[in-house]
Amino acid sequence: MNTSERASAHVSYTNWKAVQMYVTKLRQRIYRAEQLQQQRKV
């Protein structure tokens, strides 16, 4: 098994719904911090 095969095997086990939720919340935090001019808090 080479590196690309191992990487693709790990991708199939990724919980994409959880990743999407994390990214969504992070984007919201960034937006709110920018609105309050507190970028360093994110």
C-alpha atoms as a PDB file:
ATOM      1  CA  MET A   1       0.000   0.000   0.000  1.00  0.00           C
ATOM      2  CA  ASN A   2       1.520   3.311  -1.022  1.00  0.00           C
ATOM      3  CA  THR A   3       0.981   6.721   0.528  1.00  0.00           C
ATOM      4  CA  SER A   4      -1.881   7.785  -1.741  1.00  0.00           C
ATOM      5  CA  GLU A   5      -3.771   4.543  -1.067  1.00  0.00           C
ATOM      6  CA  ARG A   6      -3.404   5.018   2.692  1.00  0.00           C
ATOM      7  CA  ALA A   7      -4.551   8.637   2.452  1.00  0.00           C
ATOM      8  CA  SER A   8      -7.653   7.715   0.475  1.00  0.00           C
ATOM      9  CA  ALA A   9      -8.464   4.950   2.958  1.00  0.00           C
ATOM     10  CA  HIS A  10      -8.448   7.481   5.814  1.00  0.00           C
ATOM     11  CA  VAL A  11     -10.607   9.915   3.862  1.00  0.00           C
ATOM     12  CA  SER A  12     -13.383   7.354   3.600  1.00  0.00           C
ATOM     13  CA  TYR A  13     -13.611   7.165   7.410  1.00  0.00           C
ATOM     14  CA  THR A  14     -13.837  10.929   7.891  1.00  0.00           C
ATOM     15  CA  ASN A  15     -17.063  12.133   9.474  1.00  0.00           C
ATOM     16  CA  TRP A  16     -17.774  14.846   6.910  1.00  0.00           C
ATOM     17  CA  LYS A  17     -20.970  15.996   8.611  1.00  0.00           C
ATOM     18  CA  ALA A  18     -19.000  16.765  11.793  1.00  0.00           C
ATOM     19  CA  VAL A  19     -16.279  18.516   9.785  1.00  0.00           C
ATOM     20  CA  GLN A  20     -18.876  20.617   7.990  1.00  0.00           C
ATOM     21  CA  MET A  21     -20.508  21.613  11.290  1.00  0.00           C
ATOM     22  CA  TYR A  22     -17.118  22.560  12.781  1.00  0.00           C
ATOM     23  CA  VAL A  23     -16.238  24.713   9.769  1.00  0.00           C
ATOM     24  CA  THR A  24     -19.653  26.381   9.817  1.00  0.00           C
ATOM     25  CA  LYS A  25     -19.297  27.307  13.484  1.00  0.00           C
ATOM     26  CA  LEU A  26     -15.749  28.530  12.924  1.00  0.00           C
ATOM     27  CA  ARG A  27     -16.891  30.751  10.050  1.00  0.00           C
ATOM     28  CA  GLN A  28     -19.608  32.201  12.280  1.00  0.00           C
ATOM     29  CA  ARG A  29     -17.065  32.921  15.037  1.00  0.00           C
ATOM     30  CA  ILE A  30     -14.777  34.644  12.542  1.00  0.00           C
ATOM     31  CA  TYR A  31     -17.637  36.735  11.167  1.00  0.00           C
ATOM     32  CA  ARG A  32     -18.778  37.811  14.644  1.00  0.00           C
ATOM     33  CA  ALA A  33     -15.224  38.667  15.694  1.00  0.00           C
ATOM     34  CA  GLU A  34     -14.743  40.779  12.581  1.00  0.00           C
ATOM     35  CA  GLN A  35     -17.994  42.624  13.245  1.00  0.00           C
ATOM     36  CA  LEU A  36     -16.806  43.393  16.773  1.00  0.00           C
ATOM     37  CA  GLN A  37     -13.276  44.135  15.533  1.00  0.00           C
ATOM     38  CA  GLN A  38     -11.881  41.378  17.747  1.00  0.00           C
ATOM     39  CA  GLN A  39     -10.122  39.187  15.191  1.00  0.00           C
ATOM     40  CA  ARG A  40      -7.546  38.008  17.718  1.00  0.00           C
ATOM     41  CA  LYS A  41     -10.207  36.238  19.801  1.00  0.00           C
ATOM     42  CA  VAL A  42     -10.925  33.704  17.064  1.00  0.00           C
END
